[in-house]
Amino acid sequence: KKPLPERRESVIMLTDGRRVLLERRPASGIWGGLLSLPEVAAGSVE
């Protein structure tokens, strides 16, 4: 087997301590259709 390629992504965990904001991922691709932490650039948090 060839070495697995590496990928890096950044996600934001927006929380008020009781809830967390999640985003439904597109139907295709990794984790398709699941809820996950949004992929948002650090400068876009506010």
ModelCIF file with pLDDT and N, C-alpha, C, O atoms, coordinates in Angstrom:
data_MODEL
#
_entry.id   MODEL 
#
_entity.id                         1 
_entity.type                       polymer 
_entity.pdbx_number_of_molecules   1 
#
_entity_poly.entity_id                      1 
_entity_poly.type                           'polypeptide(L)' 
_entity_poly.nstd_linkage                   no 
_entity_poly.nstd_monomer                   no 
_entity_poly.pdbx_seq_one_letter_code       KKPLPERRESVIMLTDGRRVLLERRPASGIWGGLLSLPEVAAGSVE 
_entity_poly.pdbx_seq_one_letter_code_can   KKPLPERRESVIMLTDGRRVLLERRPASGIWGGLLSLPEVAAGSVE 
_entity_poly.pdbx_strand_id                 A 
#
loop_
_entity_poly_seq.entity_id 
_entity_poly_seq.num 
_entity_poly_seq.mon_id 
_entity_poly_seq.hetero 
1 1  LYS n 
1 2  LYS n 
1 3  PRO n 
1 4  LEU n 
1 5  PRO n 
1 6  GLU n 
1 7  ARG n 
1 8  ARG n 
1 9  GLU n 
1 10 SER n 
1 11 VAL n 
1 12 ILE n 
1 13 MET n 
1 14 LEU n 
1 15 THR n 
1 16 ASP n 
1 17 GLY n 
1 18 ARG n 
1 19 ARG n 
1 20 VAL n 
1 21 LEU n 
1 22 LEU n 
1 23 GLU n 
1 24 ARG n 
1 25 ARG n 
1 26 PRO n 
1 27 ALA n 
1 28 SER n 
1 29 GLY n 
1 30 ILE n 
1 31 TRP n 
1 32 GLY n 
1 33 GLY n 
1 34 LEU n 
1 35 LEU n 
1 36 SER n 
1 37 LEU n 
1 38 PRO n 
1 39 GLU n 
1 40 VAL n 
1 41 ALA n 
1 42 ALA n 
1 43 GLY n 
1 44 SER n 
1 45 VAL n 
1 46 GLU n 
#
_struct_asym.id          A 
_struct_asym.entity_id   1 
#
loop_
_ma_qa_metric.id 
_ma_qa_metric.mode 
_ma_qa_metric.name 
_ma_qa_metric.software_group_id 
_ma_qa_metric.type 
1 global pLDDT . pLDDT 
2 local  pLDDT . pLDDT 
#
_ma_qa_metric_global.metric_id      1 
_ma_qa_metric_global.metric_value   89.67 
_ma_qa_metric_global.model_id       1 
_ma_qa_metric_global.ordinal_id     1 
#
loop_
_ma_qa_metric_local.label_asym_id 
_ma_qa_metric_local.label_comp_id 
_ma_qa_metric_local.label_seq_id 
_ma_qa_metric_local.metric_id 
_ma_qa_metric_local.metric_value 
_ma_qa_metric_local.model_id 
_ma_qa_metric_local.ordinal_id 
A LYS 1  2 76.00 1 1  
A LYS 2  2 83.00 1 2  
A PRO 3  2 89.00 1 3  
A LEU 4  2 89.00 1 4  
A PRO 5  2 94.00 1 5  
A GLU 6  2 95.00 1 6  
A ARG 7  2 94.00 1 7  
A ARG 8  2 94.00 1 8  
A GLU 9  2 93.00 1 9  
A SER 10 2 94.00 1 10 
A VAL 11 2 95.00 1 11 
A ILE 12 2 95.00 1 12 
A MET 13 2 96.00 1 13 
A LEU 14 2 95.00 1 14 
A THR 15 2 95.00 1 15 
A ASP 16 2 94.00 1 16 
A GLY 17 2 92.00 1 17 
A ARG 18 2 93.00 1 18 
A ARG 19 2 94.00 1 19 
A VAL 20 2 96.00 1 20 
A LEU 21 2 95.00 1 21 
A LEU 22 2 96.00 1 22 
A GLU 23 2 95.00 1 23 
A ARG 24 2 93.00 1 24 
A ARG 25 2 92.00 1 25 
A PRO 26 2 89.00 1 26 
A ALA 27 2 83.00 1 27 
A SER 28 2 80.00 1 28 
A GLY 29 2 82.00 1 29 
A ILE 30 2 85.00 1 30 
A TRP 31 2 89.00 1 31 
A GLY 32 2 88.00 1 32 
A GLY 33 2 90.00 1 33 
A LEU 34 2 93.00 1 34 
A LEU 35 2 95.00 1 35 
A SER 36 2 96.00 1 36 
A LEU 37 2 96.00 1 37 
A PRO 38 2 94.00 1 38 
A GLU 39 2 90.00 1 39 
A VAL 40 2 79.00 1 40 
A ALA 41 2 74.00 1 41 
A ALA 42 2 63.00 1 42 
A GLY 43 2 72.00 1 43 
A SER 44 2 86.00 1 44 
A VAL 45 2 92.00 1 45 
A GLU 46 2 92.00 1 46 
#
loop_
_atom_site.group_PDB 
_atom_site.id 
_atom_site.type_symbol 
_atom_site.label_atom_id 
_atom_site.label_alt_id 
_atom_site.label_comp_id 
_atom_site.label_asym_id 
_atom_site.label_entity_id 
_atom_site.label_seq_id 
_atom_site.pdbx_PDB_ins_code 
_atom_site.Cartn_x 
_atom_site.Cartn_y 
_atom_site.Cartn_z 
_atom_site.occupancy 
_atom_site.B_iso_or_equiv 
_atom_site.pdbx_formal_charge 
_atom_site.auth_seq_id 
_atom_site.auth_comp_id 
_atom_site.auth_asym_id 
_atom_site.auth_atom_id 
_atom_site.pdbx_PDB_model_num 
ATOM 1   N N  . LYS A 1 1  ? 0.827   -1.204 0.000  1.00 76.00 ? 1  LYS A N  1 
ATOM 2   C CA . LYS A 1 1  ? 0.000   0.000  0.000  1.00 76.00 ? 1  LYS A CA 1 
ATOM 3   C C  . LYS A 1 1  ? 0.864   1.257  0.000  1.00 76.00 ? 1  LYS A C  1 
ATOM 4   O O  . LYS A 1 1  ? 1.912   1.322  0.641  1.00 76.00 ? 1  LYS A O  1 
ATOM 5   N N  . LYS A 1 2  ? 0.388   2.242  -0.736 1.00 83.00 ? 2  LYS A N  1 
ATOM 6   C CA . LYS A 1 2  ? 1.079   3.526  -0.735 1.00 83.00 ? 2  LYS A CA 1 
ATOM 7   C C  . LYS A 1 2  ? 0.766   4.266  0.553  1.00 83.00 ? 2  LYS A C  1 
ATOM 8   O O  . LYS A 1 2  ? -0.300  4.071  1.136  1.00 83.00 ? 2  LYS A O  1 
ATOM 9   N N  . PRO A 1 3  ? 1.688   5.119  1.006  1.00 89.00 ? 3  PRO A N  1 
ATOM 10  C CA . PRO A 1 3  ? 1.401   5.920  2.199  1.00 89.00 ? 3  PRO A CA 1 
ATOM 11  C C  . PRO A 1 3  ? 0.138   6.749  1.986  1.00 89.00 ? 3  PRO A C  1 
ATOM 12  O O  . PRO A 1 3  ? -0.088  7.288  0.902  1.00 89.00 ? 3  PRO A O  1 
ATOM 13  N N  . LEU A 1 4  ? -0.676  6.843  3.025  1.00 89.00 ? 4  LEU A N  1 
ATOM 14  C CA . LEU A 1 4  ? -1.910  7.606  2.909  1.00 89.00 ? 4  LEU A CA 1 
ATOM 15  C C  . LEU A 1 4  ? -1.614  9.100  2.831  1.00 89.00 ? 4  LEU A C  1 
ATOM 16  O O  . LEU A 1 4  ? -0.792  9.611  3.592  1.00 89.00 ? 4  LEU A O  1 
ATOM 17  N N  . PRO A 1 5  ? -2.275  9.798  1.921  1.00 94.00 ? 5  PRO A N  1 
ATOM 18  C CA . PRO A 1 5  ? -2.093  11.256 1.881  1.00 94.00 ? 5  PRO A CA 1 
ATOM 19  C C  . PRO A 1 5  ? -2.657  11.910 3.138  1.00 94.00 ? 5  PRO A C  1 
ATOM 20  O O  . PRO A 1 5  ? -3.540  11.366 3.801  1.00 94.00 ? 5  PRO A O  1 
ATOM 21  N N  . GLU A 1 6  ? -2.132  13.073 3.444  1.00 95.00 ? 6  GLU A N  1 
ATOM 22  C CA . GLU A 1 6  ? -2.549  13.809 4.639  1.00 95.00 ? 6  GLU A CA 1 
ATOM 23  C C  . GLU A 1 6  ? -3.405  15.009 4.237  1.00 95.00 ? 6  GLU A C  1 
ATOM 24  O O  . GLU A 1 6  ? -3.108  15.700 3.263  1.00 95.00 ? 6  GLU A O  1 
ATOM 25  N N  . ARG A 1 7  ? -4.470  15.244 5.002  1.00 94.00 ? 7  ARG A N  1 
ATOM 26  C CA . ARG A 1 7  ? -5.297  16.430 4.810  1.00 94.00 ? 7  ARG A CA 1 
ATOM 27  C C  . ARG A 1 7  ? -5.452  17.160 6.129  1.00 94.00 ? 7  ARG A C  1 
ATOM 28  O O  . ARG A 1 7  ? -5.511  16.536 7.189  1.00 94.00 ? 7  ARG A O  1 
ATOM 29  N N  . ARG A 1 8  ? -5.518  18.492 6.063  1.00 94.00 ? 8  ARG A N  1 
ATOM 30  C CA . ARG A 1 8  ? -5.706  19.303 7.265  1.00 94.00 ? 8  ARG A CA 1 
ATOM 31  C C  . ARG A 1 8  ? -6.921  20.200 7.061  1.00 94.00 ? 8  ARG A C  1 
ATOM 32  O O  . ARG A 1 8  ? -7.085  20.807 6.003  1.00 94.00 ? 8  ARG A O  1 
ATOM 33  N N  . GLU A 1 9  ? -7.767  20.279 8.079  1.00 93.00 ? 9  GLU A N  1 
ATOM 34  C CA . GLU A 1 9  ? -8.931  21.150 8.061  1.00 93.00 ? 9  GLU A CA 1 
ATOM 35  C C  . GLU A 1 9  ? -9.033  21.859 9.407  1.00 93.00 ? 9  GLU A C  1 
ATOM 36  O O  . GLU A 1 9  ? -8.478  21.401 10.406 1.00 93.00 ? 9  GLU A O  1 
ATOM 37  N N  . SER A 1 10 ? -9.744  22.974 9.420  1.00 94.00 ? 10 SER A N  1 
ATOM 38  C CA . SER A 1 10 ? -9.977  23.721 10.668 1.00 94.00 ? 10 SER A CA 1 
ATOM 39  C C  . SER A 1 10 ? -11.473 23.804 10.907 1.00 94.00 ? 10 SER A C  1 
ATOM 40  O O  . SER A 1 10 ? -12.241 24.097 9.991  1.00 94.00 ? 10 SER A O  1 
ATOM 41  N N  . VAL A 1 11 ? -11.887 23.545 12.142 1.00 95.00 ? 11 VAL A N  1 
ATOM 42  C CA . VAL A 1 11 ? -13.303 23.616 12.501 1.00 95.00 ? 11 VAL A CA 1 
ATOM 43  C C  . VAL A 1 11 ? -13.469 24.493 13.736 1.00 95.00 ? 11 VAL A C  1 
ATOM 44  O O  . VAL A 1 11 ? -12.532 24.705 14.505 1.00 95.00 ? 11 VAL A O  1 
ATOM 45  N N  . ILE A 1 12 ? -14.695 24.996 13.902 1.00 95.00 ? 12 ILE A N  1 
ATOM 46  C CA . ILE A 1 12 ? -15.025 25.881 15.019 1.00 95.00 ? 12 ILE A CA 1 
ATOM 47  C C  . ILE A 1 12 ? -16.065 25.206 15.906 1.00 95.00 ? 12 ILE A C  1 
ATOM 48  O O  . ILE A 1 12 ? -17.079 24.704 15.420 1.00 95.00 ? 12 ILE A O  1 
ATOM 49  N N  . MET A 1 13 ? -15.805 25.200 17.202 1.00 96.00 ? 13 MET A N  1 
ATOM 50  C CA . MET A 1 13 ? -16.781 24.712 18.165 1.00 96.00 ? 13 MET A CA 1 
ATOM 51  C C  . MET A 1 13 ? -17.401 25.928 18.855 1.00 96.00 ? 13 MET A C  1 
ATOM 52  O O  . MET A 1 13 ? -16.840 26.475 19.804 1.00 96.00 ? 13 MET A O  1 
ATOM 53  N N  . LEU A 1 14 ? -18.564 26.335 18.362 1.00 95.00 ? 14 LEU A N  1 
ATOM 54  C CA . LEU A 1 14 ? -19.271 27.485 18.913 1.00 95.00 ? 14 LEU A CA 1 
ATOM 55  C C  . LEU A 1 14 ? -20.233 26.965 19.975 1.00 95.00 ? 14 LEU A C  1 
ATOM 56  O O  . LEU A 1 14 ? -21.151 26.211 19.651 1.00 95.00 ? 14 LEU A O  1 
ATOM 57  N N  . THR A 1 15 ? -20.040 27.353 21.247 1.00 95.00 ? 15 THR A N  1 
ATOM 58  C CA . THR A 1 15 ? -20.845 26.782 22.323 1.00 95.00 ? 15 THR A CA 1 
ATOM 59  C C  . THR A 1 15 ? -21.131 27.804 23.415 1.00 95.00 ? 15 THR A C  1 
ATOM 60  O O  . THR A 1 15 ? -20.308 28.667 23.721 1.00 95.00 ? 15 THR A O  1 
ATOM 61  N N  . ASP A 1 16 ? -22.326 27.679 23.995 1.00 94.00 ? 16 ASP A N  1 
ATOM 62  C CA . ASP A 1 16 ? -22.665 28.502 25.163 1.00 94.00 ? 16 ASP A CA 1 
ATOM 63  C C  . ASP A 1 16 ? -22.581 27.688 26.445 1.00 94.00 ? 16 ASP A C  1 
ATOM 64  O O  . ASP A 1 16 ? -23.071 28.122 27.488 1.00 94.00 ? 16 ASP A O  1 
ATOM 65  N N  . GLY A 1 17 ? -21.969 26.518 26.380 1.00 92.00 ? 17 GLY A N  1 
ATOM 66  C CA . GLY A 1 17 ? -21.808 25.656 27.542 1.00 92.00 ? 17 GLY A CA 1 
ATOM 67  C C  . GLY A 1 17 ? -22.911 24.627 27.689 1.00 92.00 ? 17 GLY A C  1 
ATOM 68  O O  . GLY A 1 17 ? -22.745 23.626 28.385 1.00 92.00 ? 17 GLY A O  1 
ATOM 69  N N  . ARG A 1 18 ? -24.043 24.870 27.031 1.00 93.00 ? 18 ARG A N  1 
ATOM 70  C CA . ARG A 1 18 ? -25.160 23.928 27.092 1.00 93.00 ? 18 ARG A CA 1 
ATOM 71  C C  . ARG A 1 18 ? -25.484 23.336 25.727 1.00 93.00 ? 18 ARG A C  1 
ATOM 72  O O  . ARG A 1 18 ? -26.010 22.227 25.620 1.00 93.00 ? 18 ARG A O  1 
ATOM 73  N N  . ARG A 1 19 ? -25.160 24.096 24.687 1.00 94.00 ? 19 ARG A N  1 
ATOM 74  C CA . ARG A 1 19 ? -25.422 23.683 23.311 1.00 94.00 ? 19 ARG A CA 1 
ATOM 75  C C  . ARG A 1 19 ? -24.190 23.958 22.466 1.00 94.00 ? 19 ARG A C  1 
ATOM 76  O O  . ARG A 1 19 ? -23.308 24.727 22.848 1.00 94.00 ? 19 ARG A O  1 
ATOM 77  N N  . VAL A 1 20 ? -24.153 23.309 21.307 1.00 96.00 ? 20 VAL A N  1 
ATOM 78  C CA . VAL A 1 20 ? -23.060 23.542 20.371 1.00 96.00 ? 20 VAL A CA 1 
ATOM 79  C C  . VAL A 1 20 ? -23.660 23.693 18.981 1.00 96.00 ? 20 VAL A C  1 
ATOM 80  O O  . VAL A 1 20 ? -24.617 23.004 18.631 1.00 96.00 ? 20 VAL A O  1 
ATOM 81  N N  . LEU A 1 21 ? -23.092 24.597 18.195 1.00 95.00 ? 21 LEU A N  1 
ATOM 82  C CA . LEU A 1 21 ? -23.595 24.834 16.850 1.00 95.00 ? 21 LEU A CA 1 
ATOM 83  C C  . LEU A 1 21 ? -22.970 23.831 15.880 1.00 95.00 ? 21 LEU A C  1 
ATOM 84  O O  . LEU A 1 21 ? -21.749 23.699 15.797 1.00 95.00 ? 21 LEU A O  1 
ATOM 85  N N  . LEU A 1 22 ? -23.841 23.129 15.149 1.00 96.00 ? 22 LEU A N  1 
ATOM 86  C CA . LEU A 1 22 ? -23.389 22.126 14.194 1.00 96.00 ? 22 LEU A CA 1 
ATOM 87  C C  . LEU A 1 22 ? -23.961 22.431 12.813 1.00 96.00 ? 22 LEU A C  1 
ATOM 88  O O  . LEU A 1 22 ? -24.966 23.128 12.670 1.00 96.00 ? 22 LEU A O  1 
ATOM 89  N N  . GLU A 1 23 ? -23.293 21.888 11.810 1.00 95.00 ? 23 GLU A N  1 
ATOM 90  C CA . GLU A 1 23 ? -23.717 22.087 10.431 1.00 95.00 ? 23 GLU A CA 1 
ATOM 91  C C  . GLU A 1 23 ? -23.913 20.735 9.767  1.00 95.00 ? 23 GLU A C  1 
ATOM 92  O O  . GLU A 1 23 ? -23.077 19.841 9.901  1.00 95.00 ? 23 GLU A O  1 
ATOM 93  N N  . ARG A 1 24 ? -25.024 20.590 9.048  1.00 93.00 ? 24 ARG A N  1 
ATOM 94  C CA . ARG A 1 24 ? -25.269 19.351 8.318  1.00 93.00 ? 24 ARG A CA 1 
ATOM 95  C C  . ARG A 1 24 ? -24.364 19.308 7.093  1.00 93.00 ? 24 ARG A C  1 
ATOM 96  O O  . ARG A 1 24 ? -24.393 20.214 6.261  1.00 93.00 ? 24 ARG A O  1 
ATOM 97  N N  . ARG A 1 25 ? -23.553 18.246 6.986  1.00 92.00 ? 25 ARG A N  1 
ATOM 98  C CA . ARG A 1 25 ? -22.621 18.147 5.878  1.00 92.00 ? 25 ARG A CA 1 
ATOM 99  C C  . ARG A 1 25 ? -23.345 17.738 4.597  1.00 92.00 ? 25 ARG A C  1 
ATOM 100 O O  . ARG A 1 25 ? -24.413 17.129 4.655  1.00 92.00 ? 25 ARG A O  1 
ATOM 101 N N  . PRO A 1 26 ? -22.762 18.075 3.429  1.00 89.00 ? 26 PRO A N  1 
ATOM 102 C CA . PRO A 1 26 ? -23.375 17.667 2.159  1.00 89.00 ? 26 PRO A CA 1 
ATOM 103 C C  . PRO A 1 26 ? -23.555 16.150 2.099  1.00 89.00 ? 26 PRO A C  1 
ATOM 104 O O  . PRO A 1 26 ? -22.839 15.407 2.771  1.00 89.00 ? 26 PRO A O  1 
ATOM 105 N N  . ALA A 1 27 ? -24.508 15.700 1.299  1.00 83.00 ? 27 ALA A N  1 
ATOM 106 C CA . ALA A 1 27 ? -24.818 14.268 1.228  1.00 83.00 ? 27 ALA A CA 1 
ATOM 107 C C  . ALA A 1 27 ? -23.644 13.445 0.726  1.00 83.00 ? 27 ALA A C  1 
ATOM 108 O O  . ALA A 1 27 ? -23.472 12.300 1.145  1.00 83.00 ? 27 ALA A O  1 
ATOM 109 N N  . SER A 1 28 ? -22.826 14.010 -0.171 1.00 80.00 ? 28 SER A N  1 
ATOM 110 C CA . SER A 1 28 ? -21.671 13.280 -0.686 1.00 80.00 ? 28 SER A CA 1 
ATOM 111 C C  . SER A 1 28 ? -20.410 13.748 0.035  1.00 80.00 ? 28 SER A C  1 
ATOM 112 O O  . SER A 1 28 ? -20.404 14.798 0.677  1.00 80.00 ? 28 SER A O  1 
ATOM 113 N N  . GLY A 1 29 ? -19.352 12.965 -0.077 1.00 82.00 ? 29 GLY A N  1 
ATOM 114 C CA . GLY A 1 29 ? -18.097 13.327 0.580  1.00 82.00 ? 29 GLY A CA 1 
ATOM 115 C C  . GLY A 1 29 ? -17.994 12.709 1.960  1.00 82.00 ? 29 GLY A C  1 
ATOM 116 O O  . GLY A 1 29 ? -18.868 11.946 2.371  1.00 82.00 ? 29 GLY A O  1 
ATOM 117 N N  . ILE A 1 30 ? -16.921 13.037 2.682  1.00 85.00 ? 30 ILE A N  1 
ATOM 118 C CA . ILE A 1 30 ? -16.699 12.448 3.991  1.00 85.00 ? 30 ILE A CA 1 
ATOM 119 C C  . ILE A 1 30 ? -17.785 12.895 4.964  1.00 85.00 ? 30 ILE A C  1 
ATOM 120 O O  . ILE A 1 30 ? -18.221 14.046 4.958  1.00 85.00 ? 30 ILE A O  1 
ATOM 121 N N  . TRP A 1 31 ? -18.210 11.938 5.809  1.00 89.00 ? 31 TRP A N  1 
ATOM 122 C CA . TRP A 1 31 ? -19.247 12.188 6.812  1.00 89.00 ? 31 TRP A CA 1 
ATOM 123 C C  . TRP A 1 31 ? -20.519 12.748 6.170  1.00 89.00 ? 31 TRP A C  1 
ATOM 124 O O  . TRP A 1 31 ? -21.210 13.573 6.768  1.00 89.00 ? 31 TRP A O  1 
ATOM 125 N N  . GLY A 1 32 ? -20.823 12.299 4.960  1.00 88.00 ? 32 GLY A N  1 
ATOM 126 C CA . GLY A 1 32 ? -21.967 12.812 4.209  1.00 88.00 ? 32 GLY A CA 1 
ATOM 127 C C  . GLY A 1 32 ? -23.269 12.692 4.973  1.00 88.00 ? 32 GLY A C  1 
ATOM 128 O O  . GLY A 1 32 ? -23.618 11.611 5.446  1.00 88.00 ? 32 GLY A O  1 
ATOM 129 N N  . GLY A 1 33 ? -23.995 13.804 5.096  1.00 90.00 ? 33 GLY A N  1 
ATOM 130 C CA . GLY A 1 33 ? -25.290 13.828 5.749  1.00 90.00 ? 33 GLY A CA 1 
ATOM 131 C C  . GLY A 1 33 ? -25.255 13.924 7.253  1.00 90.00 ? 33 GLY A C  1 
ATOM 132 O O  . GLY A 1 33 ? -26.307 14.066 7.877  1.00 90.00 ? 33 GLY A O  1 
ATOM 133 N N  . LEU A 1 34 ? -24.069 13.849 7.869  1.00 93.00 ? 34 LEU A N  1 
ATOM 134 C CA . LEU A 1 34 ? -23.962 13.921 9.329  1.00 93.00 ? 34 LEU A CA 1 
ATOM 135 C C  . LEU A 1 34 ? -23.878 15.367 9.806  1.00 93.00 ? 34 LEU A C  1 
ATOM 136 O O  . LEU A 1 34 ? -23.553 16.270 9.036  1.00 93.00 ? 34 LEU A O  1 
ATOM 137 N N  . LEU A 1 35 ? -24.175 15.569 11.079 1.00 95.00 ? 35 LEU A N  1 
ATOM 138 C CA . LEU A 1 35 ? -23.928 16.853 11.713 1.00 95.00 ? 35 LEU A CA 1 
ATOM 139 C C  . LEU A 1 35 ? -22.468 16.904 12.144 1.00 95.00 ? 35 LEU A C  1 
ATOM 140 O O  . LEU A 1 35 ? -21.937 15.914 12.646 1.00 95.00 ? 35 LEU A O  1 
ATOM 141 N N  . SER A 1 36 ? -21.820 18.037 11.957 1.00 96.00 ? 36 SER A N  1 
ATOM 142 C CA . SER A 1 36 ? -20.421 18.162 12.359 1.00 96.00 ? 36 SER A CA 1 
ATOM 143 C C  . SER A 1 36 ? -20.113 19.615 12.689 1.00 96.00 ? 36 SER A C  1 
ATOM 144 O O  . SER A 1 36 ? -20.931 20.502 12.443 1.00 96.00 ? 36 SER A O  1 
ATOM 145 N N  . LEU A 1 37 ? -18.942 19.851 13.240 1.00 96.00 ? 37 LEU A N  1 
ATOM 146 C CA . LEU A 1 37 ? -18.517 21.215 13.514 1.00 96.00 ? 37 LEU A CA 1 
ATOM 147 C C  . LEU A 1 37 ? -18.254 21.927 12.193 1.00 96.00 ? 37 LEU A C  1 
ATOM 148 O O  . LEU A 1 37 ? -17.678 21.330 11.283 1.00 96.00 ? 37 LEU A O  1 
ATOM 149 N N  . PRO A 1 38 ? -18.653 23.170 12.068 1.00 94.00 ? 38 PRO A N  1 
ATOM 150 C CA . PRO A 1 38 ? -18.471 23.885 10.794 1.00 94.00 ? 38 PRO A CA 1 
ATOM 151 C C  . PRO A 1 38 ? -17.006 24.163 10.499 1.00 94.00 ? 38 PRO A C  1 
ATOM 152 O O  . PRO A 1 38 ? -16.215 24.448 11.398 1.00 94.00 ? 38 PRO A O  1 
ATOM 153 N N  . GLU A 1 39 ? -16.664 24.074 9.220  1.00 90.00 ? 39 GLU A N  1 
ATOM 154 C CA . GLU A 1 39 ? -15.321 24.424 8.770  1.00 90.00 ? 39 GLU A CA 1 
ATOM 155 C C  . GLU A 1 39 ? -15.324 25.920 8.457  1.00 90.00 ? 39 GLU A C  1 
ATOM 156 O O  . GLU A 1 39 ? -15.797 26.344 7.403  1.00 90.00 ? 39 GLU A O  1 
ATOM 157 N N  . VAL A 1 40 ? -14.797 26.701 9.377  1.00 79.00 ? 40 VAL A N  1 
ATOM 158 C CA . VAL A 1 40 ? -14.803 28.155 9.245  1.00 79.00 ? 40 VAL A CA 1 
ATOM 159 C C  . VAL A 1 40 ? -13.409 28.681 9.558  1.00 79.00 ? 40 VAL A C  1 
ATOM 160 O O  . VAL A 1 40 ? -12.777 28.245 10.520 1.00 79.00 ? 40 VAL A O  1 
ATOM 161 N N  . ALA A 1 41 ? -12.932 29.614 8.747  1.00 74.00 ? 41 ALA A N  1 
ATOM 162 C CA . ALA A 1 41 ? -11.617 30.212 8.991  1.00 74.00 ? 41 ALA A CA 1 
ATOM 163 C C  . ALA A 1 41 ? -11.631 30.945 10.335 1.00 74.00 ? 41 ALA A C  1 
ATOM 164 O O  . ALA A 1 41 ? -12.652 31.505 10.733 1.00 74.00 ? 41 ALA A O  1 
ATOM 165 N N  . ALA A 1 42 ? -10.491 30.938 11.026 1.00 63.00 ? 42 ALA A N  1 
ATOM 166 C CA . ALA A 1 42 ? -10.402 31.532 12.357 1.00 63.00 ? 42 ALA A CA 1 
ATOM 167 C C  . ALA A 1 42 ? -10.860 32.988 12.365 1.00 63.00 ? 42 ALA A C  1 
ATOM 168 O O  . ALA A 1 42 ? -11.488 33.429 13.328 1.00 63.00 ? 42 ALA A O  1 
ATOM 169 N N  . GLY A 1 43 ? -10.561 33.730 11.320 1.00 72.00 ? 43 GLY A N  1 
ATOM 170 C CA . GLY A 1 43 ? -10.932 35.143 11.269 1.00 72.00 ? 43 GLY A CA 1 
ATOM 171 C C  . GLY A 1 43 ? -12.418 35.377 11.107 1.00 72.00 ? 43 GLY A C  1 
ATOM 172 O O  . GLY A 1 43 ? -12.886 36.511 11.211 1.00 72.00 ? 43 GLY A O  1 
ATOM 173 N N  . SER A 1 44 ? -13.174 34.298 10.848 1.00 86.00 ? 44 SER A N  1 
ATOM 174 C CA . SER A 1 44 ? -14.615 34.438 10.633 1.00 86.00 ? 44 SER A CA 1 
ATOM 175 C C  . SER A 1 44 ? -15.439 34.018 11.840 1.00 86.00 ? 44 SER A C  1 
ATOM 176 O O  . SER A 1 44 ? -16.664 33.931 11.752 1.00 86.00 ? 44 SER A O  1 
ATOM 177 N N  . VAL A 1 45 ? -14.785 33.757 12.962 1.00 92.00 ? 45 VAL A N  1 
ATOM 178 C CA . VAL A 1 45 ? -15.494 33.256 14.131 1.00 92.00 ? 45 VAL A CA 1 
ATOM 179 C C  . VAL A 1 45 ? -16.519 34.270 14.629 1.00 92.00 ? 45 VAL A C  1 
ATOM 180 O O  . VAL A 1 45 ? -17.665 33.913 14.901 1.00 92.00 ? 45 VAL A O  1 
ATOM 181 N N  . GLU A 1 46 ? -16.113 35.529 14.749 1.00 92.00 ? 46 GLU A N  1 
ATOM 182 C CA . GLU A 1 46 ? -17.037 36.547 15.268 1.00 92.00 ? 46 GLU A CA 1 
ATOM 183 C C  . GLU A 1 46 ? -18.223 36.720 14.321 1.00 92.00 ? 46 GLU A C  1 
ATOM 184 O O  . GLU A 1 46 ? -19.110 37.532 14.585 1.00 92.00 ? 46 GLU A O  1 
#
